[in-house]
Protein backbone atom coordinates (compact mmCIF):
# COMPACT_ATOMS: atom_id res chain seq x y z
CA MET A 1 57.14 63.72 -58.50
CA ARG A 2 58.37 60.11 -58.78
CA LYS A 3 56.09 57.15 -58.09
CA ILE A 4 56.95 53.51 -57.44
CA ALA A 5 54.72 50.49 -56.87
CA ALA A 6 54.86 47.12 -55.14
CA ILE A 7 52.64 44.12 -55.87
CA ASP A 8 52.32 41.21 -53.45
CA ILE A 9 50.71 38.00 -54.70
CA GLY A 10 49.70 36.34 -51.46
CA SER A 11 47.75 33.24 -50.53
CA ASN A 12 44.60 35.10 -49.54
CA ALA A 13 44.80 38.30 -51.58
CA VAL A 14 46.78 40.23 -54.17
CA ARG A 15 47.81 43.74 -53.14
CA MET A 16 49.28 46.77 -54.87
CA LEU A 17 50.74 49.82 -53.14
CA ILE A 18 51.65 52.96 -55.12
CA CYS A 19 53.78 55.55 -53.34
CA TYR A 20 55.19 59.00 -53.98
CA VAL A 21 58.92 59.28 -53.31
CA LEU A 22 59.49 62.43 -51.26
CA MET A 23 62.73 63.93 -50.02
CA ASN A 24 63.15 66.20 -47.02
CA GLU A 25 66.73 67.41 -46.57
CA ASP A 26 68.75 64.16 -46.91
CA GLU A 27 65.98 61.74 -45.96
CA TYR A 28 63.53 59.93 -48.24
CA PHE A 29 59.87 59.39 -47.36
CA PHE A 30 57.24 57.25 -49.05
CA GLN A 31 53.74 58.68 -49.11
CA LYS A 32 50.94 56.26 -49.97
CA ASN A 33 49.11 57.30 -53.11
CA GLN A 34 46.88 54.26 -53.69
CA TYR A 35 46.37 50.83 -52.15
CA ILE A 36 44.33 48.10 -53.82
CA ARG A 37 43.51 44.66 -52.40
CA LEU A 38 41.80 41.89 -54.37
CA PRO A 39 40.75 38.65 -52.57
CA LEU A 40 41.85 36.02 -55.10
CA ARG A 41 42.66 33.34 -52.52
CA LEU A 42 45.20 31.37 -54.58
CA GLY A 43 45.97 29.26 -51.53
CA GLU A 44 42.67 27.42 -51.86
CA ASP A 45 44.04 25.81 -55.02
CA SER A 46 47.69 25.48 -54.10
CA PHE A 47 47.29 24.05 -50.59
CA LYS A 48 44.41 21.69 -51.46
CA THR A 49 45.40 20.31 -54.87
CA GLY A 50 49.06 21.34 -55.15
CA SER A 51 48.47 23.42 -58.30
CA ILE A 52 46.94 26.71 -59.38
CA SER A 53 43.86 26.11 -61.58
CA ASP A 54 43.28 27.72 -65.01
CA ASN A 55 40.40 29.68 -63.52
CA LYS A 56 42.64 31.21 -60.85
CA ILE A 57 45.36 31.91 -63.43
CA ASN A 58 42.88 33.85 -65.56
CA THR A 59 41.64 35.76 -62.51
CA LEU A 60 45.20 36.59 -61.47
CA SER A 61 45.98 37.72 -65.01
CA ASN A 62 42.99 40.07 -65.02
CA ALA A 63 43.96 41.41 -61.61
CA LEU A 64 47.52 42.17 -62.71
CA LEU A 65 46.31 43.78 -65.94
CA SER A 66 44.08 46.07 -63.89
CA PHE A 67 47.12 46.94 -61.74
CA LYS A 68 49.18 47.56 -64.89
CA TYR A 69 46.66 50.02 -66.29
CA THR A 70 46.35 51.73 -62.91
CA MET A 71 50.12 52.16 -62.74
CA GLU A 72 50.14 53.63 -66.25
CA VAL A 73 47.50 56.19 -65.23
CA HIS A 74 49.55 57.09 -62.15
CA GLY A 75 52.80 57.35 -64.10
CA VAL A 76 54.63 54.74 -62.01
CA GLU A 77 58.33 54.56 -62.94
CA HIS A 78 59.40 51.31 -61.26
CA TYR A 79 57.57 48.34 -59.79
CA LYS A 80 58.17 44.79 -58.58
CA ILE A 81 55.92 41.78 -58.19
CA TYR A 82 56.66 39.22 -55.47
CA ALA A 83 54.74 35.97 -55.01
CA THR A 84 54.78 34.16 -51.67
CA SER A 85 53.52 30.92 -50.14
CA ALA A 86 50.64 29.88 -52.45
CA LEU A 87 52.57 30.25 -55.68
CA ARG A 88 55.95 29.06 -54.40
CA ASP A 89 54.33 25.87 -53.04
CA SER A 90 52.44 25.20 -56.27
CA LYS A 91 53.72 22.42 -58.56
CA ASN A 92 52.90 24.49 -61.65
CA SER A 93 54.38 27.77 -60.41
CA ASN A 94 56.79 28.08 -63.36
CA ASP A 95 53.94 27.54 -65.84
CA VAL A 96 51.80 30.11 -64.01
CA ILE A 97 54.60 32.70 -64.09
CA LYS A 98 55.17 32.08 -67.83
CA GLN A 99 51.45 32.29 -68.65
CA ILE A 100 51.07 35.50 -66.69
CA PHE A 101 54.06 37.02 -68.49
CA ASP A 102 52.68 35.98 -71.89
CA LEU A 103 49.26 37.46 -71.06
CA THR A 104 50.35 40.64 -69.31
CA GLY A 105 54.04 41.27 -69.97
CA MET A 106 54.52 41.43 -66.19
CA LYS A 107 57.29 39.42 -64.52
CA ILE A 108 56.59 37.69 -61.21
CA LYS A 109 59.42 36.80 -58.84
CA LEU A 110 58.98 33.95 -56.38
CA ILE A 111 60.49 34.64 -52.95
CA ASP A 112 61.07 32.18 -50.13
CA GLY A 113 59.85 32.65 -46.57
CA LEU A 114 63.17 33.98 -45.29
CA LYS A 115 63.30 36.65 -48.00
CA GLU A 116 59.69 37.55 -47.19
CA ALA A 117 60.50 37.98 -43.50
CA LYS A 118 63.54 40.14 -44.27
CA VAL A 119 61.66 42.41 -46.68
CA ILE A 120 58.89 42.95 -44.12
CA ALA A 121 61.50 43.76 -41.48
CA MET A 122 63.09 46.37 -43.80
CA VAL A 123 60.28 48.83 -43.19
CA ASN A 124 60.56 48.70 -39.41
CA PRO A 125 62.37 51.75 -38.01
CA ILE A 126 65.20 49.78 -36.44
CA GLU A 127 67.40 52.84 -36.06
CA LYS A 128 64.80 54.27 -33.68
CA LEU A 129 64.56 51.18 -31.50
CA ASP A 130 65.96 51.04 -27.99
CA PHE A 131 69.37 49.38 -27.93
CA ASP A 132 68.70 47.38 -24.79
CA LYS A 133 65.37 45.89 -25.90
CA THR A 134 64.45 42.83 -27.96
CA TYR A 135 61.79 43.10 -30.66
CA LEU A 136 59.75 40.24 -32.10
CA TYR A 137 57.89 40.82 -35.38
CA VAL A 138 55.16 38.44 -36.54
CA ASP A 139 53.51 38.70 -39.96
CA VAL A 140 50.55 36.37 -40.47
CA GLY A 141 49.69 35.57 -44.08
CA GLY A 142 47.38 33.15 -45.80
CA GLY A 143 49.98 30.46 -46.40
CA SER A 144 52.88 31.24 -44.07
CA THR A 145 53.80 33.21 -40.99
CA GLU A 146 57.09 35.09 -40.80
CA TYR A 147 58.91 35.87 -37.57
CA SER A 148 61.83 38.25 -37.12
CA ILE A 149 63.77 39.04 -33.95
CA VAL A 150 65.79 42.24 -33.66
CA ARG A 151 68.19 42.60 -30.74
CA ARG A 152 70.67 45.38 -29.92
CA GLY A 153 69.62 47.55 -32.82
CA ASN A 154 70.65 45.39 -35.78
CA ASN A 155 71.19 41.79 -34.73
CA LYS A 156 68.42 40.17 -36.78
CA LYS A 157 67.14 36.61 -36.97
CA SER A 158 64.23 35.57 -39.20
CA LYS A 159 62.30 32.39 -39.91
CA SER A 160 59.23 31.44 -41.94
CA PHE A 161 56.76 28.71 -40.98
CA ASN A 162 54.17 26.99 -43.20
CA ILE A 163 51.23 28.06 -41.11
CA GLY A 164 48.74 30.65 -42.33
CA THR A 165 45.09 31.57 -42.19
CA VAL A 166 44.04 29.81 -45.42
CA ARG A 167 46.00 26.67 -44.49
CA LEU A 168 44.41 26.58 -41.04
CA LEU A 169 40.96 27.27 -42.44
CA ASN A 170 41.28 24.19 -44.67
CA ASN A 171 42.84 21.99 -41.93
CA LEU A 172 46.12 21.75 -43.83
CA VAL A 173 48.50 22.53 -40.96
CA ASP A 174 50.33 19.93 -38.92
CA GLU A 175 49.86 20.79 -35.24
CA LEU A 176 53.58 20.11 -34.76
CA VAL A 177 54.25 23.45 -36.48
CA PHE A 178 52.92 25.22 -33.40
CA ASP A 179 55.50 23.36 -31.31
CA GLU A 180 58.26 24.32 -33.77
CA ILE A 181 57.37 28.02 -33.54
CA LYS A 182 57.20 27.89 -29.76
CA GLU A 183 60.60 26.22 -29.58
CA TRP A 184 62.15 28.74 -32.01
CA ILE A 185 60.81 31.71 -30.05
CA ASN A 186 61.92 30.27 -26.70
CA GLU A 187 65.40 29.48 -28.02
CA ASN A 188 65.93 32.96 -29.44
CA ILE A 189 64.25 35.12 -26.82
CA LYS A 190 65.12 33.23 -23.64
CA ASP A 191 62.61 34.94 -21.33
CA ASP A 192 63.73 38.43 -22.31
CA SER A 193 62.04 40.78 -19.84
CA LYS A 194 62.39 43.74 -22.22
CA LEU A 195 60.60 42.12 -25.16
CA LYS A 196 58.24 44.09 -27.40
CA VAL A 197 56.05 42.28 -29.95
CA PHE A 198 54.92 43.85 -33.24
CA ALA A 199 52.28 42.29 -35.50
CA THR A 200 51.73 43.04 -39.18
CA GLY A 201 49.32 42.04 -41.92
CA GLY A 202 45.77 42.81 -42.95
CA ASN A 203 44.19 40.72 -40.20
CA ILE A 204 45.88 42.46 -37.28
CA ASN A 205 45.03 45.85 -38.76
CA LYS A 206 41.37 44.82 -38.79
CA ILE A 207 41.65 43.30 -35.31
CA GLN A 208 42.88 46.65 -34.00
CA ASP A 209 39.69 48.28 -35.31
CA MET A 210 37.48 45.46 -34.03
CA THR A 211 38.92 45.71 -30.51
CA ARG A 212 38.53 49.52 -30.65
CA THR A 213 42.20 49.98 -29.85
CA LYS A 214 43.37 53.51 -30.59
CA LEU A 215 45.92 54.03 -33.35
CA GLY A 216 49.44 53.83 -31.93
CA LYS A 217 48.31 51.99 -28.80
CA PRO A 218 49.02 48.27 -28.25
CA ILE A 219 46.23 45.70 -28.37
CA SER A 220 45.85 43.93 -25.04
CA TYR A 221 45.89 40.14 -24.69
CA LEU A 222 42.51 40.24 -22.95
CA SER A 223 40.82 42.16 -25.78
CA ILE A 224 42.23 39.78 -28.42
CA LYS A 225 41.12 36.72 -26.44
CA ASP A 226 37.63 38.20 -25.90
CA LEU A 227 37.30 38.95 -29.61
CA TYR A 228 38.38 35.41 -30.49
CA ASN A 229 35.79 33.86 -28.16
CA ASN A 230 33.04 36.18 -29.43
CA LEU A 231 33.76 35.36 -33.07
CA LEU A 232 33.77 31.61 -32.39
CA GLU A 233 30.14 31.88 -31.27
CA LYS A 234 29.01 33.48 -34.55
CA ASP A 235 28.62 32.24 -38.10
CA ILE A 236 30.23 34.10 -41.00
CA THR A 237 27.15 36.17 -41.81
CA SER A 238 26.81 37.31 -38.19
CA ARG A 239 30.50 38.24 -38.08
CA MET A 240 30.14 40.27 -41.27
CA ILE A 241 27.15 42.19 -39.95
CA LYS A 242 28.41 42.85 -36.42
CA TYR A 243 31.99 43.79 -37.32
CA ASN A 244 31.53 45.10 -40.89
CA LEU A 245 33.76 42.39 -42.36
CA ASN A 246 34.14 41.28 -45.96
CA PRO A 247 33.47 37.55 -46.59
CA ASP A 248 37.16 36.89 -47.28
CA ARG A 249 38.07 38.44 -43.93
CA ALA A 250 35.22 37.01 -41.85
CA ASP A 251 36.52 33.45 -42.15
CA VAL A 252 40.32 33.93 -41.91
CA ILE A 253 40.13 36.30 -38.94
CA ILE A 254 39.66 33.38 -36.52
CA PRO A 255 42.78 31.39 -37.53
CA ALA A 256 44.70 34.69 -37.56
CA LEU A 257 43.63 35.36 -33.98
CA LYS A 258 44.70 31.84 -33.02
CA ILE A 259 48.23 32.50 -34.30
CA PHE A 260 48.47 35.91 -32.61
CA ILE A 261 47.19 34.56 -29.27
CA SER A 262 49.60 31.62 -29.44
CA THR A 263 52.51 33.96 -30.23
CA MET A 264 51.67 36.16 -27.23
CA ASP A 265 51.51 33.06 -25.01
CA TRP A 266 54.91 31.81 -26.22
CA ALA A 267 56.52 35.25 -25.92
CA ASN A 268 54.92 35.76 -22.49
CA THR A 269 53.55 39.19 -23.38
CA ASN A 270 50.19 40.86 -22.84
CA LYS A 271 50.61 43.59 -25.46
CA LEU A 272 50.73 43.54 -29.25
CA PHE A 273 51.89 46.64 -31.13
CA VAL A 274 50.57 47.26 -34.66
CA PRO A 275 52.78 49.39 -36.94
CA LYS A 276 50.35 48.90 -39.89
CA VAL A 277 52.95 47.78 -42.41
CA GLY A 278 53.38 44.67 -44.54
CA LEU A 279 55.30 43.08 -47.40
CA VAL A 280 54.37 45.79 -49.93
CA ASP A 281 55.73 48.49 -47.59
CA GLY A 282 59.05 46.66 -47.31
CA MET A 283 59.08 46.17 -51.08
CA ILE A 284 58.71 49.93 -51.61
CA SER A 285 61.85 50.51 -49.52
CA GLU A 286 63.67 47.77 -51.40
CA ILE A 287 62.64 49.11 -54.82
CA HIS A 288 63.82 52.60 -53.95
CA SER A 289 67.15 51.30 -52.61
CA SER A 290 67.74 49.46 -55.89
CA MET A 291 67.07 52.68 -57.81
CA SER A 292 69.56 54.75 -55.81
């Protein structure tokens, strides 16, 4: 049974997804075999100093080596590594990529925000969407947030903004970015009464659990706002204990909620659907398409 893998080097964490490639009649399916997430937080270096430090490079190298050995054990045939906001914004990104290749033999590909948005949108079942509805996808990362709009089945429009949880946490976001996103959404949606909003990324998956929203059901605006207000009243330790959060999630969850709440306000919606997919899921589809 064939296996493929996708590695996403993000601003907050590095993720690897290994999937089986299954075929039923004429349709391919990807069954998750293993998912690993390591909280490296490269964005703390890149966004603050403009470069990735030697310490972070060594940590990233060790992380990728552990992924490499895991893929060998699983018998993975094909894999790709994409790096997003933290590495693409770093002044020494080319040096980092070369050092990582020299240390691990693994090639990293930098992708821009538009490519990131399009790959994430690949995994969404567009062929099953209602023709007369408009769909807005928002993926909140550590360094950037990607938006995609799908209208009439396949009319897509995507845009990436330099606003993310790690940037917000370190006060490295110009407030004008919020105005830019609002304007872009308003221009492209135009008060569409049949709008449906989907949110992706690790934070919204955790938010769904924290709000006790059942799988497959949308998260309500009220429950997200209540969670945001409750978390603001607690320190990191209290958040970790009450909601069973890891330290690297307990701090970024608040800026993530701020972006999701703002998006719902701009889109004039009181529901947020969570398909539980991300960049690595889109990469799996992309990898398989390139193999065919």
